PDB file of all heavy atoms in Angstrom:
ATOM      1  N   THR A   1     114.981 106.436  99.867  1.00  0.00           N
ATOM      2  CA  THR A   1     114.616 107.850  99.954  1.00  0.00           C
ATOM      3  C   THR A   1     115.161 108.452 101.247  1.00  0.00           C
ATOM      4  O   THR A   1     115.789 107.763 102.050  1.00  0.00           O
ATOM      5  CB  THR A   1     113.086 108.037  99.921  1.00  0.00           C
ATOM      6  OG1 THR A   1     112.525 107.463 101.110  1.00  0.00           O
ATOM      7  CG2 THR A   1     112.470 107.390  98.685  1.00  0.00           C
ATOM      8  N   ASN A   2     114.865 109.729 101.459  1.00  0.00           N
ATOM      9  CA  ASN A   2     115.275 110.435 102.670  1.00  0.00           C
ATOM     10  C   ASN A   2     114.064 110.808 103.522  1.00  0.00           C
ATOM     11  O   ASN A   2     112.960 110.988 103.008  1.00  0.00           O
ATOM     12  CB  ASN A   2     116.023 111.724 102.306  1.00  0.00           C
ATOM     13  CG  ASN A   2     117.270 111.474 101.483  1.00  0.00           C
ATOM     14  OD1 ASN A   2     118.051 110.574 101.794  1.00  0.00           O
ATOM     15  ND2 ASN A   2     117.457 112.253 100.432  1.00  0.00           N
ATOM     16  N   VAL A   3     114.305 110.937 104.823  1.00  0.00           N
ATOM     17  CA  VAL A   3     113.291 111.428 105.765  1.00  0.00           C
ATOM     18  C   VAL A   3     113.801 112.751 106.332  1.00  0.00           C
ATOM     19  O   VAL A   3     114.928 112.819 106.844  1.00  0.00           O
ATOM     20  CB  VAL A   3     113.030 110.417 106.897  1.00  0.00           C
ATOM     21  CG1 VAL A   3     112.187 111.042 108.007  1.00  0.00           C
ATOM     22  CG2 VAL A   3     112.335 109.178 106.344  1.00  0.00           C
ATOM     23  N   TYR A   4     112.985 113.793 106.228  1.00  0.00           N
ATOM     24  CA  TYR A   4     113.367 115.126 106.676  1.00  0.00           C
ATOM     25  C   TYR A   4     112.588 115.539 107.918  1.00  0.00           C
ATOM     26  O   TYR A   4     111.390 115.282 108.027  1.00  0.00           O
ATOM     27  CB  TYR A   4     113.076 116.162 105.590  1.00  0.00           C
ATOM     28  CG  TYR A   4     114.053 116.189 104.443  1.00  0.00           C
ATOM     29  CD1 TYR A   4     113.986 115.242 103.417  1.00  0.00           C
ATOM     30  CD2 TYR A   4     115.037 117.171 104.366  1.00  0.00           C
ATOM     31  CE1 TYR A   4     114.864 115.275 102.342  1.00  0.00           C
ATOM     32  CE2 TYR A   4     115.929 117.218 103.295  1.00  0.00           C
ATOM     33  CZ  TYR A   4     115.835 116.266 102.292  1.00  0.00           C
ATOM     34  OH  TYR A   4     116.719 116.305 101.231  1.00  0.00           O
ATOM     35  N   ASP A   5     113.280 116.223 108.825  1.00  0.00           N
ATOM     36  CA  ASP A   5     112.640 116.866 109.970  1.00  0.00           C
ATOM     37  C   ASP A   5     112.989 118.348 109.898  1.00  0.00           C
ATOM     38  O   ASP A   5     114.137 118.741 110.140  1.00  0.00           O
ATOM     39  CB  ASP A   5     113.136 116.254 111.280  1.00  0.00           C
ATOM     40  CG  ASP A   5     112.407 116.807 112.502  1.00  0.00           C
ATOM     41  OD1 ASP A   5     111.446 117.585 112.325  1.00  0.00           O
ATOM     42  OD2 ASP A   5     112.794 116.454 113.631  1.00  0.00           O
ATOM     43  N   LEU A   6     112.002 119.166 109.528  1.00  0.00           N
ATOM     44  CA  LEU A   6     112.222 120.604 109.346  1.00  0.00           C
ATOM     45  C   LEU A   6     111.907 121.333 110.644  1.00  0.00           C
ATOM     46  O   LEU A   6     110.799 121.236 111.157  1.00  0.00           O
ATOM     47  CB  LEU A   6     111.342 121.132 108.209  1.00  0.00           C
ATOM     48  CG  LEU A   6     111.471 120.409 106.862  1.00  0.00           C
ATOM     49  CD1 LEU A   6     110.595 121.088 105.816  1.00  0.00           C
ATOM     50  CD2 LEU A   6     112.926 120.377 106.391  1.00  0.00           C
ATOM     51  N   GLY A   7     112.897 122.075 111.140  1.00  0.00           N
ATOM     52  CA  GLY A   7     112.764 122.643 112.470  1.00  0.00           C
ATOM     53  C   GLY A   7     112.978 121.546 113.489  1.00  0.00           C
ATOM     54  O   GLY A   7     112.214 121.376 114.435  1.00  0.00           O
ATOM     55  N   CYS A   8     114.053 120.784 113.287  1.00  0.00           N
ATOM     56  CA  CYS A   8     114.274 119.559 114.063  1.00  0.00           C
ATOM     57  C   CYS A   8     114.619 119.821 115.515  1.00  0.00           C
ATOM     58  O   CYS A   8     114.601 118.900 116.333  1.00  0.00           O
ATOM     59  CB  CYS A   8     115.356 118.706 113.417  1.00  0.00           C
ATOM     60  SG  CYS A   8     116.983 119.496 113.346  1.00  0.00           S
ATOM     61  N   SER A   9     114.958 121.052 115.868  1.00  0.00           N
ATOM     62  CA  SER A   9     115.299 121.446 117.240  1.00  0.00           C
ATOM     63  C   SER A   9     116.323 120.484 117.849  1.00  0.00           C
ATOM     64  O   SER A   9     117.375 120.256 117.273  1.00  0.00           O
ATOM     65  CB  SER A   9     114.053 121.599 118.103  1.00  0.00           C
ATOM     66  OG  SER A   9     113.333 120.387 118.229  1.00  0.00           O
ATOM     67  N   THR A  10     116.008 119.844 118.983  1.00  0.00           N
ATOM     68  CA  THR A  10     117.001 119.013 119.676  1.00  0.00           C
ATOM     69  C   THR A  10     116.952 117.537 119.267  1.00  0.00           C
ATOM     70  O   THR A  10     117.586 116.704 119.907  1.00  0.00           O
ATOM     71  CB  THR A  10     116.832 119.121 121.198  1.00  0.00           C
ATOM     72  OG1 THR A  10     115.552 118.597 121.572  1.00  0.00           O
ATOM     73  CG2 THR A  10     116.947 120.566 121.665  1.00  0.00           C
ATOM     74  N   GLY A  11     116.194 117.202 118.223  1.00  0.00           N
ATOM     75  CA  GLY A  11     116.247 115.853 117.661  1.00  0.00           C
ATOM     76  C   GLY A  11     115.283 114.834 118.230  1.00  0.00           C
ATOM     77  O   GLY A  11     115.364 113.649 117.885  1.00  0.00           O
ATOM     78  N   THR A  12     114.347 115.254 119.068  1.00  0.00           N
ATOM     79  CA  THR A  12     113.417 114.301 119.686  1.00  0.00           C
ATOM     80  C   THR A  12     112.642 113.511 118.645  1.00  0.00           C
ATOM     81  O   THR A  12     112.463 112.292 118.773  1.00  0.00           O
ATOM     82  CB  THR A  12     112.448 115.030 120.628  1.00  0.00           C
ATOM     83  OG1 THR A  12     113.196 115.648 121.679  1.00  0.00           O
ATOM     84  CG2 THR A  12     111.427 114.076 121.223  1.00  0.00           C
ATOM     85  N   THR A  13     112.166 114.189 117.594  1.00  0.00           N
ATOM     86  CA  THR A  13     111.377 113.508 116.567  1.00  0.00           C
ATOM     87  C   THR A  13     112.216 112.488 115.810  1.00  0.00           C
ATOM     88  O   THR A  13     111.759 111.372 115.533  1.00  0.00           O
ATOM     89  CB  THR A  13     110.770 114.533 115.595  1.00  0.00           C
ATOM     90  OG1 THR A  13     109.936 115.439 116.330  1.00  0.00           O
ATOM     91  CG2 THR A  13     109.932 113.848 114.538  1.00  0.00           C
ATOM     92  N   MET A  14     113.442 112.828 115.482  1.00  0.00           N
ATOM     93  CA  MET A  14     114.308 111.876 114.772  1.00  0.00           C
ATOM     94  C   MET A  14     114.646 110.674 115.646  1.00  0.00           C
ATOM     95  O   MET A  14     114.716 109.544 115.149  1.00  0.00           O
ATOM     96  CB  MET A  14     115.579 112.576 114.287  1.00  0.00           C
ATOM     97  CG  MET A  14     115.334 113.504 113.112  1.00  0.00           C
ATOM     98  SD  MET A  14     116.856 114.056 112.289  1.00  0.00           S
ATOM     99  CE  MET A  14     117.428 115.250 113.487  1.00  0.00           C
ATOM    100  N   ILE A  15     114.836 110.909 116.927  1.00  0.00           N
ATOM    101  CA  ILE A  15     115.111 109.794 117.842  1.00  0.00           C
ATOM    102  C   ILE A  15     113.925 108.854 117.900  1.00  0.00           C
ATOM    103  O   ILE A  15     114.084 107.624 117.905  1.00  0.00           O
ATOM    104  CB  ILE A  15     115.478 110.328 119.234  1.00  0.00           C
ATOM    105  CG1 ILE A  15     116.856 110.995 119.194  1.00  0.00           C
ATOM    106  CG2 ILE A  15     115.478 109.207 120.276  1.00  0.00           C
ATOM    107  CD1 ILE A  15     117.219 111.752 120.452  1.00  0.00           C
ATOM    108  N   GLY A  16     112.715 109.408 117.895  1.00  0.00           N
ATOM    109  CA  GLY A  16     111.520 108.573 117.889  1.00  0.00           C
ATOM    110  C   GLY A  16     111.389 107.786 116.595  1.00  0.00           C
ATOM    111  O   GLY A  16     111.117 106.580 116.608  1.00  0.00           O
ATOM    112  N   MET A  17     111.582 108.448 115.460  1.00  0.00           N
ATOM    113  CA  MET A  17     111.454 107.774 114.165  1.00  0.00           C
ATOM    114  C   MET A  17     112.539 106.727 113.970  1.00  0.00           C
ATOM    115  O   MET A  17     112.346 105.751 113.234  1.00  0.00           O
ATOM    116  CB  MET A  17     111.493 108.803 113.030  1.00  0.00           C
ATOM    117  CG  MET A  17     110.291 109.726 112.990  1.00  0.00           C
ATOM    118  SD  MET A  17     110.188 110.732 111.475  1.00  0.00           S
ATOM    119  CE  MET A  17     111.691 111.729 111.595  1.00  0.00           C
ATOM    120  N   ASN A  18     113.670 106.904 114.613  1.00  0.00           N
ATOM    121  CA  ASN A  18     114.773 105.951 114.498  1.00  0.00           C
ATOM    122  C   ASN A  18     114.373 104.552 114.959  1.00  0.00           C
ATOM    123  O   ASN A  18     114.938 103.558 114.514  1.00  0.00           O
ATOM    124  CB  ASN A  18     115.960 106.451 115.316  1.00  0.00           C
ATOM    125  CG  ASN A  18     117.208 105.637 115.106  1.00  0.00           C
ATOM    126  OD1 ASN A  18     117.641 105.417 113.974  1.00  0.00           O
ATOM    127  ND2 ASN A  18     117.813 105.180 116.194  1.00  0.00           N
ATOM    128  N   THR A  19     113.393 104.482 115.867  1.00  0.00           N
ATOM    129  CA  THR A  19     112.957 103.190 116.401  1.00  0.00           C
ATOM    130  C   THR A  19     111.963 102.475 115.484  1.00  0.00           C
ATOM    131  O   THR A  19     111.694 101.291 115.683  1.00  0.00           O
ATOM    132  CB  THR A  19     112.303 103.365 117.780  1.00  0.00           C
ATOM    133  OG1 THR A  19     111.094 104.121 117.650  1.00  0.00           O
ATOM    134  CG2 THR A  19     113.233 104.084 118.743  1.00  0.00           C
ATOM    135  N   THR A  20     111.427 103.171 114.465  1.00  0.00           N
ATOM    136  CA  THR A  20     110.372 102.576 113.639  1.00  0.00           C
ATOM    137  C   THR A  20     110.723 102.480 112.161  1.00  0.00           C
ATOM    138  O   THR A  20     110.052 101.759 111.425  1.00  0.00           O
ATOM    139  CB  THR A  20     109.062 103.390 113.766  1.00  0.00           C
ATOM    140  OG1 THR A  20     109.287 104.733 113.296  1.00  0.00           O
ATOM    141  CG2 THR A  20     108.567 103.433 115.206  1.00  0.00           C
ATOM    142  N   ILE A  21     111.743 103.207 111.725  1.00  0.00           N
ATOM    143  CA  ILE A  21     112.081 103.280 110.300  1.00  0.00           C
ATOM    144  C   ILE A  21     113.368 102.505 110.037  1.00  0.00           C
ATOM    145  O   ILE A  21     114.317 102.586 110.825  1.00  0.00           O
ATOM    146  CB  ILE A  21     112.245 104.758 109.873  1.00  0.00           C
ATOM    147  CG1 ILE A  21     110.886 105.472 109.937  1.00  0.00           C
ATOM    148  CG2 ILE A  21     112.839 104.883 108.477  1.00  0.00           C
ATOM    149  CD1 ILE A  21     110.945 106.951 109.634  1.00  0.00           C
ATOM    150  N   PRO A  22     113.438 101.703 108.955  1.00  0.00           N
ATOM    151  CA  PRO A  22     114.652 100.938 108.640  1.00  0.00           C
ATOM    152  C   PRO A  22     115.910 101.795 108.684  1.00  0.00           C
ATOM    153  O   PRO A  22     115.910 102.950 108.251  1.00  0.00           O
ATOM    154  CB  PRO A  22     114.372 100.431 107.216  1.00  0.00           C
ATOM    155  CG  PRO A  22     112.879 100.320 107.147  1.00  0.00           C
ATOM    156  CD  PRO A  22     112.355 101.461 107.968  1.00  0.00           C
ATOM    157  N   HIS A  23     117.002 101.214 109.179  1.00  0.00           N
ATOM    158  CA  HIS A  23     118.194 101.980 109.505  1.00  0.00           C
ATOM    159  C   HIS A  23     119.037 102.391 108.315  1.00  0.00           C
ATOM    160  O   HIS A  23     120.009 103.137 108.486  1.00  0.00           O
ATOM    161  CB  HIS A  23     119.051 101.200 110.517  1.00  0.00           C
ATOM    162  CG  HIS A  23     118.564 101.346 111.915  1.00  0.00           C
ATOM    163  ND1 HIS A  23     119.393 101.452 112.993  1.00  0.00           N
ATOM    164  CD2 HIS A  23     117.300 101.445 112.414  1.00  0.00           C
ATOM    165  CE1 HIS A  23     118.680 101.590 114.113  1.00  0.00           C
ATOM    166  NE2 HIS A  23     117.419 101.575 113.772  1.00  0.00           N
ATOM    167  N   ASP A  24     118.686 101.939 107.104  1.00  0.00           N
ATOM    168  CA  ASP A  24     119.455 102.398 105.950  1.00  0.00           C
ATOM    169  C   ASP A  24     118.801 103.580 105.253  1.00  0.00           C
ATOM    170  O   ASP A  24     119.284 104.050 104.219  1.00  0.00           O
ATOM    171  CB  ASP A  24     119.706 101.261 104.960  1.00  0.00           C
ATOM    172  CG  ASP A  24     118.444 100.482 104.616  1.00  0.00           C
ATOM    173  OD1 ASP A  24     117.390 100.794 105.205  1.00  0.00           O
ATOM    174  OD2 ASP A  24     118.516  99.593 103.766  1.00  0.00           O
ATOM    175  N   ILE A  25     117.694 104.078 105.802  1.00  0.00           N
ATOM    176  CA  ILE A  25     117.057 105.297 105.286  1.00  0.00           C
ATOM    177  C   ILE A  25     117.688 106.496 105.979  1.00  0.00           C
ATOM    178  O   ILE A  25     117.760 106.558 107.202  1.00  0.00           O
ATOM    179  CB  ILE A  25     115.526 105.267 105.511  1.00  0.00           C
ATOM    180  CG1 ILE A  25     114.901 104.164 104.661  1.00  0.00           C
ATOM    181  CG2 ILE A  25     114.907 106.632 105.188  1.00  0.00           C
ATOM    182  CD1 ILE A  25     113.400 104.006 104.854  1.00  0.00           C
ATOM    183  N   LYS A  26     118.137 107.448 105.189  1.00  0.00           N
ATOM    184  CA  LYS A  26     118.850 108.610 105.727  1.00  0.00           C
ATOM    185  C   LYS A  26     117.892 109.631 106.332  1.00  0.00           C
ATOM    186  O   LYS A  26     116.829 109.902 105.769  1.00  0.00           O
ATOM    187  CB  LYS A  26     119.679 109.276 104.615  1.00  0.00           C
ATOM    188  CG  LYS A  26     120.519 110.453 105.088  1.00  0.00           C
ATOM    189  CD  LYS A  26     121.344 111.024 103.925  1.00  0.00           C
ATOM    190  CE  LYS A  26     122.192 112.204 104.379  1.00  0.00           C
ATOM    191  NZ  LYS A  26     123.006 112.749 103.262  1.00  0.00           N
ATOM    192  N   PHE A  27     118.273 110.192 107.487  1.00  0.00           N
ATOM    193  CA  PHE A  27     117.542 111.281 108.125  1.00  0.00           C
ATOM    194  C   PHE A  27     118.280 112.596 107.862  1.00  0.00           C
ATOM    195  O   PHE A  27     119.509 112.655 107.965  1.00  0.00           O
ATOM    196  CB  PHE A  27     117.446 111.085 109.642  1.00  0.00           C
ATOM    197  CG  PHE A  27     116.444 110.054 110.085  1.00  0.00           C
ATOM    198  CD1 PHE A  27     115.740 109.287 109.179  1.00  0.00           C
ATOM    199  CD2 PHE A  27     116.209 109.855 111.438  1.00  0.00           C
ATOM    200  CE1 PHE A  27     114.812 108.331 109.600  1.00  0.00           C
ATOM    201  CE2 PHE A  27     115.282 108.915 111.875  1.00  0.00           C
ATOM    202  CZ  PHE A  27     114.590 108.151 110.951  1.00  0.00           C
ATOM    203  N   ILE A  28     117.525 113.640 107.578  1.00  0.00           N
ATOM    204  CA  ILE A  28     118.093 114.978 107.407  1.00  0.00           C
ATOM    205  C   ILE A  28     117.312 115.942 108.292  1.00  0.00           C
ATOM    206  O   ILE A  28     116.100 116.100 108.141  1.00  0.00           O
ATOM    207  CB  ILE A  28     118.044 115.437 105.939  1.00  0.00           C
ATOM    208  CG1 ILE A  28     118.816 114.450 105.048  1.00  0.00           C
ATOM    209  CG2 ILE A  28     118.605 116.858 105.801  1.00  0.00           C
ATOM    210  CD1 ILE A  28     118.663 114.701 103.565  1.00  0.00           C
ATOM    211  N   GLY A  29     118.014 116.560 109.232  1.00  0.00           N
ATOM    212  CA  GLY A  29     117.403 117.543 110.112  1.00  0.00           C
ATOM    213  C   GLY A  29     117.831 118.942 109.711  1.00  0.00           C
ATOM    214  O   GLY A  29     119.014 119.199 109.492  1.00  0.00           O
TER     215      GLY A  29
END
C-alpha cells in the first residue's frame, strides 16, 4: 500500500516515518 502525508510541508513527518516503516512501502507527500 501507500503512505500519504497531506500538507507535508518540509518533509519532517515523512523523515520520521522512514525510520519505522518498511522501505518498500511508497510515501506520497
